[in-house]
C-alpha atoms as a PDB file:
ATOM      1  CA  MET A   1     -12.160  12.340 -11.591  1.00  0.00           C
ATOM      2  CA  THR A   2     -11.516   8.825 -12.897  1.00  0.00           C
ATOM      3  CA  LEU A   3     -10.028   7.730  -9.568  1.00  0.00           C
ATOM      4  CA  TYR A   4     -12.888   9.199  -7.545  1.00  0.00           C
ATOM      5  CA  ALA A   5     -15.459   7.608  -9.879  1.00  0.00           C
ATOM      6  CA  HIS A   6     -13.965   4.195  -9.099  1.00  0.00           C
ATOM      7  CA  GLY A   7     -14.016   4.699  -5.324  1.00  0.00           C
ATOM      8  CA  PHE A   8     -10.462   5.877  -4.682  1.00  0.00           C
ATOM      9  CA  GLN A   9      -9.946   8.334  -1.832  1.00  0.00           C
ATOM     10  CA  TYR A  10      -7.095  10.836  -1.602  1.00  0.00           C
ATOM     11  CA  HIS A  11      -4.963  10.579   1.550  1.00  0.00           C
ATOM     12  CA  PRO A  12      -2.736  13.666   1.825  1.00  0.00           C
ATOM     13  CA  GLN A  13      -0.524  12.186   4.570  1.00  0.00           C
ATOM     14  CA  GLN A  14       0.560   9.517   2.071  1.00  0.00           C
ATOM     15  CA  ALA A  15       0.208  11.730  -1.014  1.00  0.00           C
ATOM     16  CA  ALA A  16      -1.709   8.902  -2.672  1.00  0.00           C
ATOM     17  CA  PHE A  17      -5.113   7.775  -3.861  1.00  0.00           C
ATOM     18  CA  LEU A  18      -6.127   4.637  -1.951  1.00  0.00           C
ATOM     19  CA  LEU A  19      -8.995   2.175  -2.166  1.00  0.00           C
ATOM     20  CA  PRO A  20     -10.815   1.345   1.063  1.00  0.00           C
ATOM     21  CA  THR A  21     -10.376  -2.240   2.269  1.00  0.00           C
ATOM     22  CA  ALA A  22     -14.168  -2.513   2.489  1.00  0.00           C
ATOM     23  CA  TYR A  23     -14.256  -3.288  -1.249  1.00  0.00           C
ATOM     24  CA  GLY A  24     -12.443  -6.596  -0.669  1.00  0.00           C
ATOM     25  CA  GLU A  25      -9.640  -8.052  -2.762  1.00  0.00           C
ATOM     26  CA  SER A  26     -11.697  -8.812  -5.876  1.00  0.00           C
ATOM     27  CA  GLY A  27     -13.590  -5.515  -5.681  1.00  0.00           C
ATOM     28  CA  ARG A  28     -10.372  -3.540  -5.447  1.00  0.00           C
ATOM     29  CA  ALA A  29      -8.839  -5.537  -8.311  1.00  0.00           C
ATOM     30  CA  LEU A  30     -11.814  -4.742 -10.560  1.00  0.00           C
ATOM     31  CA  ARG A  31     -11.653  -1.049  -9.672  1.00  0.00           C
ATOM     32  CA  VAL A  32      -7.912  -0.863 -10.302  1.00  0.00           C
ATOM     33  CA  HIS A  33      -8.338  -2.630 -13.638  1.00  0.00           C
ATOM     34  CA  GLY A  34     -11.047  -0.173 -14.681  1.00  0.00           C
ATOM     35  CA  VAL A  35      -8.952   2.841 -13.704  1.00  0.00           C
ATOM     36  CA  VAL A  36      -5.868   1.531 -15.507  1.00  0.00           C
ATOM     37  CA  GLN A  37      -7.868   0.943 -18.697  1.00  0.00           C
ATOM     38  CA  GLN A  38      -9.414   4.416 -18.653  1.00  0.00           C
ATOM     39  CA  LEU A  39      -6.221   6.277 -17.812  1.00  0.00           C
ATOM     40  CA  THR A  40      -4.017   4.426 -20.293  1.00  0.00           C
ATOM     41  CA  ALA A  41      -6.598   5.078 -23.010  1.00  0.00           C
ATOM     42  CA  LYS A  42      -6.056   8.793 -22.258  1.00  0.00           C
ATOM     43  CA  GLY A  43      -2.261   8.366 -22.455  1.00  0.00           C
ATOM     44  CA  ILE A  44      -1.751   8.639 -18.699  1.00  0.00           C
ATOM     45  CA  GLY A  45       0.790   6.296 -17.114  1.00  0.00           C
ATOM     46  CA  VAL A  46      -0.157   4.459 -13.933  1.00  0.00           C
ATOM     47  CA  ASN A  47       2.190   3.638 -11.035  1.00  0.00           C
ATOM     48  CA  LEU A  48       0.792   1.236  -8.451  1.00  0.00           C
ATOM     49  CA  ARG A  49       2.183   0.429  -5.007  1.00  0.00           C
ATOM     50  CA  HIS A  50       0.956  -1.166  -1.822  1.00  0.00           C
ATOM     51  CA  SER A  51       0.166   1.341   0.886  1.00  0.00           C
ATOM     52  CA  ALA A  52       2.036   1.248   4.156  1.00  0.00           C
ATOM     53  CA  PRO A  53       0.204  -0.410   7.070  1.00  0.00           C
ATOM     54  CA  THR A  54      -1.696   2.154   9.109  1.00  0.00           C
ATOM     55  CA  THR A  55      -1.579   0.384  12.463  1.00  0.00           C
ATOM     56  CA  SER A  56       1.331  -0.867  14.515  1.00  0.00           C
ATOM     57  CA  ALA A  57      -0.457  -4.222  14.909  1.00  0.00           C
ATOM     58  CA  ALA A  58       0.000  -4.822  11.188  1.00  0.00           C
ATOM     59  CA  LEU A  59       3.746  -4.419  11.470  1.00  0.00           C
ATOM     60  CA  SER A  60       5.898  -7.446  12.151  1.00  0.00           C
ATOM     61  CA  PRO A  61       7.801  -7.375  15.426  1.00  0.00           C
ATOM     62  CA  ALA A  62      11.425  -6.313  15.370  1.00  0.00           C
ATOM     63  CA  PRO A  63      13.941  -9.137  15.595  1.00  0.00           C
ATOM     64  CA  PRO A  64      15.572  -9.537  19.009  1.00  0.00           C
ATOM     65  CA  LYS A  65      18.851  -7.716  19.434  1.00  0.00           C
ATOM     66  CA  ALA A  66      21.929  -9.888  19.572  1.00  0.00           C
ATOM     67  CA  THR A  67      23.537  -9.890  22.996  1.00  0.00           C
ATOM     68  CA  PRO A  68      27.288  -9.515  22.961  1.00  0.00           C
ATOM     69  CA  SER A  69      29.030 -12.690  23.977  1.00  0.00           C
ATOM     70  CA  ALA A  70      31.426 -12.585  26.889  1.00  0.00           C
ATOM     71  CA  SER A  71      35.039 -12.351  25.834  1.00  0.00           C
ATOM     72  CA  ARG A  72      37.093 -15.454  26.362  1.00  0.00           C
ATOM     73  CA  THR A  73      40.381 -15.409  28.176  1.00  0.00           C
ATOM     74  CA  ARG A  74      43.180 -17.887  27.627  1.00  0.00           C
END
């Protein structure tokens, strides 16, 4: 209930509670801080991680594959 009260949403495909980006960086930071304080006061440990990007546009392009160089003959 603490996570929901602070605006977190459960995403079953990631098995994680996430904050919407609409809150902005400072808004999300305040919400995370509030959740951490409340949960640690109850003796509950908190493990935070960045979520994986949800769109392929957010991923960096793959590096180009190395082309094999022609073998040299003597």
